[in-house]
C-alpha atoms as a PDB file:
ATOM      1  CA  MET A   1      42.376  36.646-138.577  1.00  0.00           C
ATOM      2  CA  VAL A   2      41.417  32.937-138.963  1.00  0.00           C
ATOM      3  CA  GLN A   3      44.265  30.882-140.352  1.00  0.00           C
ATOM      4  CA  VAL A   4      43.373  28.100-142.795  1.00  0.00           C
ATOM      5  CA  ILE A   5      45.920  24.959-143.255  1.00  0.00           C
ATOM      6  CA  ARG A   6      45.038  22.472-145.639  1.00  0.00           C
ATOM      7  CA  LYS A   7      46.683  18.981-145.396  1.00  0.00           C
ATOM      8  CA  ASP A   8      48.911  17.991-148.425  1.00  0.00           C
ATOM      9  CA  GLU A   9      48.940  14.478-149.804  1.00  0.00           C
ATOM     10  CA  ARG A  10      51.197  12.366-147.848  1.00  0.00           C
ATOM     11  CA  GLU A  11      52.015  15.084-145.278  1.00  0.00           C
ATOM     12  CA  ALA A  12      52.505  13.696-141.853  1.00  0.00           C
ATOM     13  CA  ASN A  13      50.067  15.217-139.050  1.00  0.00           C
ATOM     14  CA  GLU A  14      53.188  16.582-136.982  1.00  0.00           C
ATOM     15  CA  ASN A  15      54.178  18.747-140.184  1.00  0.00           C
ATOM     16  CA  LEU A  16      50.563  20.099-140.649  1.00  0.00           C
ATOM     17  CA  ILE A  17      50.836  20.985-136.857  1.00  0.00           C
ATOM     18  CA  ARG A  18      54.130  22.579-137.448  1.00  0.00           C
ATOM     19  CA  ARG A  19      52.967  24.782-140.147  1.00  0.00           C
ATOM     20  CA  PHE A  20      49.790  25.836-138.554  1.00  0.00           C
ATOM     21  CA  ASN A  21      51.884  26.959-135.388  1.00  0.00           C
ATOM     22  CA  ARG A  22      54.239  28.844-137.413  1.00  0.00           C
ATOM     23  CA  LYS A  23      51.521  30.641-139.295  1.00  0.00           C
ATOM     24  CA  VAL A  24      49.965  31.435-136.010  1.00  0.00           C
ATOM     25  CA  LEU A  25      53.336  32.801-134.709  1.00  0.00           C
ATOM     26  CA  GLN A  26      53.936  34.906-137.667  1.00  0.00           C
ATOM     27  CA  SER A  27      50.286  36.467-137.508  1.00  0.00           C
ATOM     28  CA  GLY A  28      50.815  37.698-134.208  1.00  0.00           C
ATOM     29  CA  VAL A  29      47.253  36.597-133.056  1.00  0.00           C
ATOM     30  CA  LEU A  30      48.808  34.779-130.082  1.00  0.00           C
ATOM     31  CA  ALA A  31      50.618  37.646-129.019  1.00  0.00           C
ATOM     32  CA  GLU A  32      47.564  40.324-128.914  1.00  0.00           C
ATOM     33  CA  ALA A  33      45.529  37.803-127.175  1.00  0.00           C
ATOM     34  CA  LYS A  34      48.435  37.276-124.380  1.00  0.00           C
ATOM     35  CA  ALA A  35      48.986  41.264-123.828  1.00  0.00           C
ATOM     36  CA  SER A  36      44.880  41.720-123.669  1.00  0.00           C
ATOM     37  CA  MET A  37      44.989  39.150-120.812  1.00  0.00           C
ATOM     38  CA  ARG A  38      47.926  40.777-118.929  1.00  0.00           C
ATOM     39  CA  PHE A  39      46.235  44.673-119.160  1.00  0.00           C
ATOM     40  CA  ALA A  40      45.624  45.948-115.818  1.00  0.00           C
ATOM     41  CA  LYS A  41      43.820  49.076-115.408  1.00  0.00           C
ATOM     42  CA  PRO A  42      46.362  51.831-113.427  1.00  0.00           C
ATOM     43  CA  ILE A  43      45.588  52.472-109.890  1.00  0.00           C
ATOM     44  CA  SER A  44      46.956  55.257-107.548  1.00  0.00           C
ATOM     45  CA  LYS A  45      49.853  54.486-105.315  1.00  0.00           C
ATOM     46  CA  PRO A  46      47.421  54.950-101.944  1.00  0.00           C
ATOM     47  CA  GLU A  47      45.334  52.080-103.526  1.00  0.00           C
ATOM     48  CA  ARG A  48      48.385  50.143-104.362  1.00  0.00           C
ATOM     49  CA  ARG A  49      49.555  50.269-100.693  1.00  0.00           C
ATOM     50  CA  VAL A  50      46.370  49.600 -99.121  1.00  0.00           C
ATOM     51  CA  LYS A  51      46.032  46.497-101.315  1.00  0.00           C
ATOM     52  CA  ALA A  52      49.424  45.427-100.310  1.00  0.00           C
ATOM     53  CA  ILE A  53      48.920  45.848 -96.566  1.00  0.00           C
ATOM     54  CA  ILE A  54      45.626  43.758 -96.923  1.00  0.00           C
ATOM     55  CA  ARG A  55      47.647  41.055 -98.813  1.00  0.00           C
ATOM     56  CA  LYS A  56      50.643  41.046 -96.018  1.00  0.00           C
ATOM     57  CA  GLU A  57      47.769  40.721 -93.182  1.00  0.00           C
ATOM     58  CA  ARG A  58      45.935  37.970 -94.912  1.00  0.00           C
ATOM     59  CA  LYS A  59      49.145  36.105 -95.709  1.00  0.00           C
ATOM     60  CA  ALA A  60      50.282  36.421 -91.955  1.00  0.00           C
ATOM     61  CA  ASP A  61      46.958  35.131 -90.602  1.00  0.00           C
ATOM     62  CA  LYS A  62      46.972  32.186 -93.040  1.00  0.00           C
ATOM     63  CA  LEU A  63      50.569  31.412 -91.798  1.00  0.00           C
ATOM     64  CA  ASP A  64      49.523  31.676 -88.074  1.00  0.00           C
ATOM     65  CA  LYS A  65      46.398  29.381 -88.702  1.00  0.00           C
ATOM     66  CA  THR A  66      48.586  26.725 -90.356  1.00  0.00           C
ATOM     67  CA  ARG A  67      51.228  27.072 -87.444  1.00  0.00           C
ATOM     68  CA  LEU A  68      48.314  26.418 -85.102  1.00  0.00           C
ATOM     69  CA  GLY A  69      46.989  23.573 -86.828  1.00  0.00           C
ATOM     70  CA  LEU A  70      43.831  25.084 -87.819  1.00  0.00           C
ATOM     71  CA  ARG A  71      43.805  24.635 -91.731  1.00  0.00           C
END
């Protein structure tokens, strides 16, 4: 899925970039790449709860340390 764009004679670089961006958007390559980056494996509810509790504890600990002036 490589997009090849050749520069015409007397064509401005901005127009070349605009044409290339349009081709890439129409091909859907960028959308596929972004979708694969956002993919996360499904986890169970108990695991999600445990991770949320850990996050809250870490955030509270960090906030306490900043209030004490340790960080």
